[in-house]
Amino acid sequence: MSENTKPYALITGASKGIGKSIAYELAKQGYPLLLVARSTEELKALSDDLQAKYSINTAILAIDLSINGAALEVSNWIKMNNYQVGILVNNAGYGVWGNFSQSSLSDQLGMMQLNMNVVVELSHLLVPILSQQKQAYILNISSTAAYQAVPTLAVYSATKAFVLSFTRALRFELAQTSISVTCFSPGPVATGFAERAGLDTFSKMAEKFNMQPDEVAIMAVKAMFSKKSEVIPGFTNIISVYANRILPKGFIEKTAAGIYKI
Protein backbone atom coordinates (compact mmCIF):
# COMPACT_ATOMS: atom_id res chain seq x y z
CA MET A 1 0.00 0.00 0.00
CA SER A 2 1.48 3.35 -0.98
CA GLU A 3 1.68 6.33 1.37
CA ASN A 4 -0.87 8.20 -0.70
CA THR A 5 -3.56 5.59 -0.02
CA LYS A 6 -3.08 5.69 3.74
CA PRO A 7 -5.06 8.05 5.97
CA TYR A 8 -3.45 10.50 8.34
CA ALA A 9 -2.59 9.60 11.92
CA LEU A 10 -3.23 12.37 14.45
CA ILE A 11 -0.88 12.21 17.44
CA THR A 12 -1.22 14.47 20.48
CA GLY A 13 1.83 15.15 22.62
CA ALA A 14 3.85 14.31 19.52
CA SER A 15 6.95 16.42 20.18
CA LYS A 16 8.60 14.14 22.75
CA GLY A 17 8.45 10.87 24.66
CA ILE A 18 6.07 8.12 23.62
CA GLY A 19 4.19 10.38 21.21
CA LYS A 20 7.37 11.22 19.31
CA SER A 21 8.37 7.56 19.14
CA ILE A 22 4.91 6.58 17.88
CA ALA A 23 5.28 9.23 15.18
CA TYR A 24 8.51 7.59 13.98
CA GLU A 25 6.99 4.11 14.13
CA LEU A 26 3.97 5.12 12.05
CA ALA A 27 6.16 7.08 9.64
CA LYS A 28 8.24 3.95 9.06
CA GLN A 29 5.02 2.24 8.00
CA GLY A 30 4.24 5.01 5.54
CA TYR A 31 1.50 6.88 7.38
CA PRO A 32 1.18 10.64 6.86
CA LEU A 33 1.07 12.42 10.19
CA LEU A 34 -0.72 15.27 11.95
CA LEU A 35 1.52 16.28 14.85
CA VAL A 36 0.04 18.22 17.76
CA ALA A 37 1.90 19.59 20.79
CA ARG A 38 2.75 22.91 22.47
CA SER A 39 6.20 23.64 21.03
CA THR A 40 6.36 24.97 17.47
CA GLU A 41 10.14 24.52 17.28
CA GLU A 42 10.10 20.91 18.46
CA LEU A 43 7.21 20.03 16.14
CA LYS A 44 8.93 21.68 13.17
CA ALA A 45 12.18 19.81 13.83
CA LEU A 46 10.31 16.52 14.16
CA SER A 47 8.26 17.16 11.03
CA ASP A 48 11.34 18.01 8.95
CA ASP A 49 13.17 14.90 10.13
CA LEU A 50 10.23 12.59 9.43
CA GLN A 51 9.76 13.99 5.95
CA ALA A 52 13.47 13.69 5.17
CA LYS A 53 13.79 10.11 6.46
CA TYR A 54 10.51 8.60 5.32
CA SER A 55 9.19 10.86 2.55
CA ILE A 56 5.78 11.18 4.18
CA ASN A 57 3.40 14.12 4.39
CA THR A 58 3.26 15.84 7.76
CA ALA A 59 1.42 18.83 9.17
CA ILE A 60 1.90 20.42 12.58
CA LEU A 61 -0.33 22.33 14.97
CA ALA A 62 1.24 24.01 18.00
CA ILE A 63 -1.45 24.35 20.65
CA ASP A 64 -1.84 23.95 24.40
CA LEU A 65 -4.47 21.23 24.65
CA SER A 66 -5.05 21.89 28.36
CA ILE A 67 -6.86 25.13 27.43
CA ASN A 68 -10.63 24.86 27.09
CA GLY A 69 -11.70 24.73 23.46
CA ALA A 70 -8.35 23.47 22.16
CA ALA A 71 -9.75 20.12 21.03
CA LEU A 72 -12.36 21.90 18.92
CA GLU A 73 -9.57 23.95 17.32
CA VAL A 74 -7.81 20.71 16.39
CA SER A 75 -11.02 19.36 14.86
CA ASN A 76 -11.61 22.57 12.91
CA TRP A 77 -8.01 22.47 11.64
CA ILE A 78 -8.57 18.95 10.35
CA LYS A 79 -11.83 19.85 8.64
CA MET A 80 -10.51 23.10 7.16
CA ASN A 81 -7.60 21.25 5.52
CA ASN A 82 -9.70 18.19 4.63
CA TYR A 83 -7.25 15.81 6.26
CA GLN A 84 -8.50 12.24 5.93
CA VAL A 85 -7.77 10.88 9.41
CA GLY A 86 -7.79 7.14 10.07
CA ILE A 87 -5.82 6.98 13.33
CA LEU A 88 -6.24 9.00 16.53
CA VAL A 89 -3.50 8.64 19.15
CA ASN A 90 -4.53 10.30 22.41
CA ASN A 91 -1.10 10.48 24.01
CA ALA A 92 -0.77 13.95 25.53
CA GLY A 93 -0.78 14.00 29.32
CA TYR A 94 1.22 14.74 32.45
CA GLY A 95 1.28 14.13 36.19
CA VAL A 96 1.29 16.34 39.30
CA TRP A 97 3.03 14.91 42.36
CA GLY A 98 2.41 15.90 45.98
CA ASN A 99 -0.20 15.71 48.72
CA PHE A 100 -3.51 16.64 47.11
CA SER A 101 -4.55 19.22 49.72
CA GLN A 102 -1.21 21.00 49.44
CA SER A 103 -0.94 20.97 45.65
CA SER A 104 -2.04 23.69 43.27
CA LEU A 105 -5.70 23.27 42.35
CA SER A 106 -5.15 24.92 38.98
CA ASP A 107 -2.38 22.42 38.20
CA GLN A 108 -4.65 19.52 39.13
CA LEU A 109 -7.54 20.85 37.05
CA GLY A 110 -5.24 21.47 34.09
CA MET A 111 -4.02 17.90 34.32
CA MET A 112 -7.60 16.62 34.43
CA GLN A 113 -8.47 18.70 31.37
CA LEU A 114 -5.57 17.28 29.35
CA ASN A 115 -5.57 13.70 30.62
CA MET A 116 -9.34 13.16 30.48
CA ASN A 117 -11.39 15.88 28.81
CA VAL A 118 -9.22 16.17 25.72
CA VAL A 119 -9.35 12.39 25.22
CA VAL A 120 -13.16 12.51 25.38
CA GLU A 121 -13.46 15.65 23.23
CA LEU A 122 -11.12 14.51 20.45
CA SER A 123 -12.67 11.05 20.38
CA HIS A 124 -16.17 12.52 20.09
CA LEU A 125 -15.15 15.08 17.47
CA LEU A 126 -13.16 12.63 15.35
CA VAL A 127 -15.38 9.52 15.40
CA PRO A 128 -17.44 10.87 12.44
CA ILE A 129 -14.20 11.51 10.53
CA LEU A 130 -12.65 8.15 11.45
CA SER A 131 -15.84 6.32 10.47
CA GLN A 132 -15.33 7.42 6.86
CA GLN A 133 -12.39 4.98 6.63
CA LYS A 134 -12.80 1.27 5.88
CA GLN A 135 -10.67 0.63 8.96
CA ALA A 136 -9.76 3.20 11.60
CA TYR A 137 -8.14 3.16 15.03
CA ILE A 138 -8.17 5.03 18.33
CA LEU A 139 -5.16 4.45 20.59
CA ASN A 140 -5.46 5.87 24.11
CA ILE A 141 -2.31 5.97 26.23
CA SER A 142 -3.08 5.24 29.86
CA SER A 143 -0.71 3.95 32.57
CA THR A 144 -0.26 1.10 35.03
CA ALA A 145 -1.30 3.76 37.57
CA ALA A 146 -4.83 3.22 36.20
CA TYR A 147 -5.06 -0.04 38.12
CA GLN A 148 -4.59 1.35 41.62
CA ALA A 149 -4.94 4.43 43.78
CA VAL A 150 -1.57 6.16 44.17
CA PRO A 151 -1.14 8.50 47.17
CA THR A 152 0.73 11.72 46.17
CA LEU A 153 -0.33 11.01 42.58
CA ALA A 154 -4.00 10.81 43.55
CA VAL A 155 -5.51 12.79 40.69
CA TYR A 156 -3.08 11.51 38.06
CA SER A 157 -3.84 7.85 38.80
CA ALA A 158 -7.56 8.66 38.81
CA THR A 159 -7.32 10.30 35.38
CA LYS A 160 -5.62 7.22 33.98
CA ALA A 161 -8.28 4.96 35.51
CA PHE A 162 -10.81 7.13 33.69
CA VAL A 163 -8.97 6.69 30.38
CA LEU A 164 -8.92 2.92 30.84
CA SER A 165 -12.62 2.70 31.70
CA PHE A 166 -13.65 5.11 28.95
CA THR A 167 -11.61 3.24 26.35
CA ARG A 168 -13.12 -0.14 27.19
CA ALA A 169 -16.66 1.23 27.06
CA LEU A 170 -16.04 3.11 23.82
CA ARG A 171 -14.53 -0.01 22.27
CA PHE A 172 -17.69 -1.95 23.10
CA GLU A 173 -19.94 0.76 21.65
CA LEU A 174 -17.93 0.91 18.41
CA ALA A 175 -17.48 -2.85 18.06
CA GLN A 176 -19.82 -3.08 15.08
CA THR A 177 -18.20 -0.13 13.28
CA SER A 178 -14.97 0.28 11.35
CA ILE A 179 -13.23 1.85 14.38
CA SER A 180 -11.09 -0.27 16.70
CA VAL A 181 -10.26 1.20 20.12
CA THR A 182 -7.20 0.20 22.17
CA CYS A 183 -5.94 1.20 25.61
CA PHE A 184 -2.18 0.95 26.12
CA SER A 185 -0.94 1.20 29.73
CA PRO A 186 2.83 1.39 30.17
CA GLY A 187 4.71 1.56 33.46
CA PRO A 188 7.75 3.82 33.91
CA VAL A 189 9.12 5.05 30.57
CA ALA A 190 12.17 7.26 30.00
CA THR A 191 10.17 10.28 28.82
CA GLY A 192 10.87 13.02 31.39
CA PHE A 193 7.45 12.40 32.99
CA ALA A 194 8.90 12.08 36.52
CA GLU A 195 10.85 15.31 36.22
CA ARG A 196 7.83 17.27 35.03
CA ALA A 197 5.71 15.81 37.83
CA GLY A 198 8.35 16.91 40.36
CA LEU A 199 9.50 13.39 41.15
CA ASP A 200 13.23 14.08 40.88
CA THR A 201 14.27 11.54 43.53
CA PHE A 202 12.01 8.85 42.09
CA SER A 203 13.22 9.54 38.55
CA LYS A 204 16.76 8.50 39.51
CA MET A 205 15.51 5.22 40.99
CA ALA A 206 13.16 4.59 38.07
CA GLU A 207 16.04 4.69 35.58
CA LYS A 208 16.77 1.06 36.53
CA PHE A 209 13.26 -0.04 35.53
CA ASN A 210 12.34 2.39 32.75
CA MET A 211 11.34 1.08 29.37
CA GLN A 212 12.53 3.09 26.39
CA PRO A 213 10.03 5.15 24.36
CA ASP A 214 10.95 3.47 21.08
CA GLU A 215 10.29 -0.07 22.35
CA VAL A 216 7.05 1.08 23.98
CA ALA A 217 5.95 2.75 20.73
CA ILE A 218 6.56 -0.43 18.73
CA MET A 219 4.38 -2.41 21.15
CA ALA A 220 1.69 0.27 21.25
CA VAL A 221 1.37 0.49 17.46
CA LYS A 222 1.38 -3.30 17.16
CA ALA A 223 -1.37 -3.56 19.79
CA MET A 224 -3.43 -0.93 17.95
CA PHE A 225 -3.16 -2.60 14.55
CA SER A 226 -3.85 -6.00 16.16
CA LYS A 227 -7.09 -4.50 17.52
CA LYS A 228 -6.23 -5.38 21.12
CA SER A 229 -8.55 -4.00 23.76
CA GLU A 230 -6.10 -3.48 26.61
CA VAL A 231 -2.33 -3.97 26.66
CA ILE A 232 0.23 -3.63 29.47
CA PRO A 233 3.81 -3.80 28.14
CA GLY A 234 6.56 -5.52 30.08
CA PHE A 235 6.50 -8.63 32.27
CA THR A 236 7.18 -6.69 35.48
CA ASN A 237 4.30 -4.32 34.78
CA ILE A 238 1.93 -7.20 34.05
CA ILE A 239 2.85 -8.89 37.33
CA SER A 240 2.42 -5.60 39.19
CA VAL A 241 -1.08 -5.07 37.78
CA TYR A 242 -2.04 -8.66 38.54
CA ALA A 243 -0.85 -8.19 42.14
CA ASN A 244 -3.01 -5.08 42.40
CA ARG A 245 -6.05 -7.22 41.57
CA ILE A 246 -5.48 -9.91 44.19
CA LEU A 247 -3.75 -8.15 47.11
CA PRO A 248 -5.63 -6.00 49.66
CA LYS A 249 -6.08 -2.44 48.40
CA GLY A 250 -4.82 -1.02 51.68
CA PHE A 251 -1.55 -2.91 51.28
CA ILE A 252 -1.14 -1.76 47.67
CA GLU A 253 -1.81 1.87 48.60
CA LYS A 254 0.62 1.75 51.54
CA THR A 255 3.30 0.28 49.27
CA ALA A 256 2.68 2.94 46.61
CA ALA A 257 2.80 5.68 49.25
CA GLY A 258 6.20 4.39 50.33
CA ILE A 259 7.53 4.48 46.78
CA TYR A 260 6.21 7.95 45.97
CA LYS A 261 6.58 9.45 49.46
CA ILE A 262 7.17 13.17 49.88
Foldseek 3Di string as FASTA:
>chain_A
DALVVAAEAEFAPCLFFLNVLLVLVVLQVNYEYEYEEADPVSVVVSQVVSCVPRVHHYHYDHDLQLDPPVLVVVLVVCVVVVGQYQEYELDDAAFAFDAPVPDDPVVLSSRLSNLAVSLVSNCVSCPVSNLVDQAGEYEYEAALLLLAAFGRRRSNSVSSVNSLVVQLVVQVVCVVTRYFTAYEHEYAAPTCRCVVNVNVVLVVVCVVVHDYSNVSSVVRVVCGVVSPHYYYDDPVSVVVSVCSVPDDNVVVRVVSCVSRPD
